[in-house]
Amino acid sequence: MSQEKAAPAAEQSAQMHIQRLYVKDMSFEAPNSPEVFQVQNWQPQIEVQLNTQAKKLADNLHEVVMTITVTAKLEDKVAYLVEVAQAGVFAVVNFPEDQVQYLMGAYCPAILFPYARQVIAEAIMNGGFPVLHLAPMNFEALHAQQMMQQQAKADDGQGIIQV
């Protein structure tokens, strides 16, 4: 009889599976080439913007898209601009809604980031520039910060910001 109780409990366990990882969109621009290659002291100002979005595709299926935009400037001229939308489809079964929100906002972006970082590094290198290695990011802290901002907006009666 204890075996009968164990089987349904196992079926109810929380599970997450990666269904697919893919580059959803990518662009690279070097608007001031080839002149920018003649700069002797290559010390660009690097700006990195990161955005994540999650959407429910079906009952237990979610897509998470991480968009990273990297802009390198020399003085007032753009040396290069690369944007990558790295995406994944994740099956999420038997998680409470607050945990699904955490998975979509922190755990899945942490899975996607190394893939996006590699695509960005290769695009920059293929554009003829020195490789840029993006530093690791703490997606748990970013997610917690975003949740606090959303709560503050809700408390102010201004609605919820979109991720």
Protein backbone atom coordinates (compact mmCIF):
# COMPACT_ATOMS: atom_id res chain seq x y z
CA MET A 1 0.00 0.00 0.00
CA SER A 2 2.90 2.38 0.62
CA GLN A 3 4.01 1.83 -3.00
CA GLU A 4 0.60 3.03 -4.22
CA LYS A 5 1.01 6.28 -2.29
CA ALA A 6 4.57 6.81 -3.55
CA ALA A 7 3.63 6.68 -7.25
CA PRO A 8 1.14 9.59 -7.20
CA ALA A 9 3.54 11.67 -5.07
CA ALA A 10 6.29 11.13 -7.65
CA GLU A 11 3.92 12.23 -10.43
CA GLN A 12 3.24 15.47 -8.56
CA SER A 13 6.90 16.45 -8.11
CA ALA A 14 7.99 19.79 -9.53
CA GLN A 15 10.00 19.52 -12.74
CA MET A 16 11.62 21.92 -15.18
CA HIS A 17 13.04 20.90 -18.55
CA ILE A 18 14.74 22.85 -21.29
CA GLN A 19 12.80 22.21 -24.49
CA ARG A 20 14.89 24.37 -26.82
CA LEU A 21 17.55 27.10 -26.73
CA TYR A 22 17.92 29.39 -29.76
CA VAL A 23 18.96 32.78 -31.06
CA LYS A 24 15.70 34.57 -31.78
CA ASP A 25 17.24 37.72 -33.24
CA MET A 26 20.73 39.10 -33.76
CA SER A 27 22.29 42.17 -35.33
CA PHE A 28 25.76 43.62 -35.60
CA GLU A 29 26.71 47.07 -36.86
CA ALA A 30 30.09 48.75 -37.30
CA PRO A 31 28.93 52.10 -38.69
CA ASN A 32 32.32 53.80 -38.59
CA SER A 33 34.44 51.09 -40.11
CA PRO A 34 37.04 50.93 -41.55
CA GLU A 35 38.11 54.28 -40.03
CA VAL A 36 37.60 52.98 -36.48
CA PHE A 37 40.23 50.27 -37.07
CA GLN A 38 42.91 52.95 -37.40
CA VAL A 39 42.53 54.12 -33.80
CA GLN A 40 45.83 53.50 -32.02
CA ASN A 41 44.59 53.47 -28.43
CA TRP A 42 41.65 51.06 -28.39
CA GLN A 43 39.84 51.89 -25.15
CA PRO A 44 36.15 52.14 -25.99
CA GLN A 45 33.37 53.04 -23.60
CA ILE A 46 31.21 49.92 -23.34
CA GLU A 47 27.52 50.14 -22.54
CA VAL A 48 25.53 46.96 -21.85
CA GLN A 49 21.74 46.85 -21.68
CA LEU A 50 19.91 43.70 -20.63
CA ASN A 51 16.22 42.92 -20.76
CA THR A 52 14.30 39.71 -20.16
CA GLN A 53 10.75 38.84 -21.09
CA ALA A 54 8.77 35.71 -20.35
CA LYS A 55 5.52 34.56 -21.85
CA LYS A 56 3.37 31.54 -21.29
CA LEU A 57 2.98 29.43 -24.43
CA ALA A 58 0.76 26.70 -22.97
CA ASP A 59 -0.19 25.37 -19.53
CA ASN A 60 3.30 24.16 -18.62
CA LEU A 61 5.35 25.76 -21.40
CA HIS A 62 7.09 29.15 -21.22
CA GLU A 63 9.37 31.14 -23.51
CA VAL A 64 12.03 33.36 -21.96
CA VAL A 65 13.84 35.87 -24.17
CA MET A 66 16.96 37.67 -22.97
CA THR A 67 17.97 40.64 -25.09
CA ILE A 68 21.47 42.04 -24.60
CA THR A 69 22.63 45.15 -26.43
CA VAL A 70 26.32 46.09 -26.34
CA THR A 71 27.47 49.45 -27.67
CA ALA A 72 31.16 50.35 -27.94
CA LYS A 73 31.99 54.03 -28.46
CA LEU A 74 35.26 55.83 -29.10
CA GLU A 75 34.65 59.41 -28.01
CA ASP A 76 31.36 60.25 -29.72
CA LYS A 77 31.51 57.65 -32.50
CA VAL A 78 30.00 54.18 -32.33
CA ALA A 79 32.65 51.56 -33.05
CA TYR A 80 30.14 48.70 -32.96
CA LEU A 81 26.71 47.80 -31.74
CA VAL A 82 25.62 44.20 -31.26
CA GLU A 83 22.22 43.02 -30.11
CA VAL A 84 21.30 39.42 -29.38
CA ALA A 85 17.93 38.02 -28.34
CA GLN A 86 18.76 34.61 -26.87
CA ALA A 87 15.65 32.56 -26.13
CA GLY A 88 14.58 29.32 -24.58
CA VAL A 89 11.43 27.28 -24.25
CA PHE A 90 11.07 25.71 -20.83
CA ALA A 91 8.60 23.12 -19.56
CA VAL A 92 7.63 23.93 -15.97
CA VAL A 93 5.43 21.38 -14.20
CA ASN A 94 3.91 21.43 -10.70
CA PHE A 95 5.59 24.61 -9.43
CA PRO A 96 3.61 27.17 -7.39
CA GLU A 97 3.05 30.43 -9.30
CA ASP A 98 5.55 32.43 -7.19
CA GLN A 99 8.24 29.86 -7.99
CA VAL A 100 7.35 29.93 -11.71
CA GLN A 101 7.85 33.70 -11.60
CA TYR A 102 11.28 33.19 -9.99
CA LEU A 103 12.23 30.53 -12.58
CA MET A 104 11.25 32.82 -15.47
CA GLY A 105 12.88 35.91 -13.93
CA ALA A 106 16.12 34.50 -12.50
CA TYR A 107 16.81 30.83 -13.15
CA CYS A 108 16.07 30.71 -16.90
CA PRO A 109 17.96 33.95 -17.68
CA ALA A 110 20.97 32.46 -15.86
CA ILE A 111 20.73 29.47 -18.23
CA LEU A 112 20.45 31.72 -21.32
CA PHE A 113 23.23 34.18 -20.42
CA PRO A 114 26.29 32.04 -21.31
CA TYR A 115 24.80 31.31 -24.74
CA ALA A 116 24.10 35.00 -25.39
CA ARG A 117 27.57 35.95 -24.13
CA GLN A 118 29.15 33.50 -26.60
CA VAL A 119 27.10 34.79 -29.55
CA ILE A 120 28.05 38.38 -28.67
CA ALA A 121 31.76 37.56 -28.32
CA GLU A 122 31.80 35.79 -31.69
CA ALA A 123 29.91 38.60 -33.45
CA ILE A 124 32.36 41.20 -32.13
CA MET A 125 35.35 39.08 -33.10
CA ASN A 126 33.89 38.39 -36.56
CA GLY A 127 33.40 42.15 -36.94
CA GLY A 128 37.17 42.59 -36.66
CA PHE A 129 37.24 43.92 -33.08
CA PRO A 130 38.95 42.59 -29.94
CA VAL A 131 36.75 40.04 -28.22
CA LEU A 132 34.60 41.33 -25.38
CA HIS A 133 33.81 38.89 -22.57
CA LEU A 134 30.77 40.00 -20.62
CA ALA A 135 31.15 39.55 -16.87
CA PRO A 136 28.91 37.02 -15.11
CA MET A 137 25.68 38.43 -13.72
CA ASN A 138 23.73 37.67 -10.56
CA PHE A 139 20.24 37.08 -11.94
CA GLU A 140 18.82 36.28 -8.51
CA ALA A 141 19.79 39.76 -7.28
CA LEU A 142 18.48 41.40 -10.47
CA HIS A 143 15.18 39.53 -10.11
CA ALA A 144 14.86 40.48 -6.43
CA GLN A 145 15.53 44.14 -7.30
CA GLN A 146 12.93 44.03 -10.05
CA MET A 147 10.35 42.48 -7.70
CA MET A 148 10.98 45.26 -5.18
CA GLN A 149 10.52 47.89 -7.93
CA GLN A 150 7.28 46.25 -9.05
CA GLN A 151 6.02 46.14 -5.46
CA ALA A 152 6.88 49.81 -4.97
CA LYS A 153 5.03 50.72 -8.18
CA ALA A 154 2.01 48.66 -7.08
CA ASP A 155 2.07 50.33 -3.64
CA ASP A 156 2.12 53.73 -5.35
CA GLY A 157 -0.89 52.73 -7.45
CA GLN A 158 1.11 53.11 -10.66
CA GLY A 159 0.82 49.52 -11.87
CA ILE A 160 3.45 46.92 -12.55
CA ILE A 161 6.47 47.43 -14.77
CA GLN A 162 6.93 44.89 -17.52
CA VAL A 163 10.01 42.70 -17.61
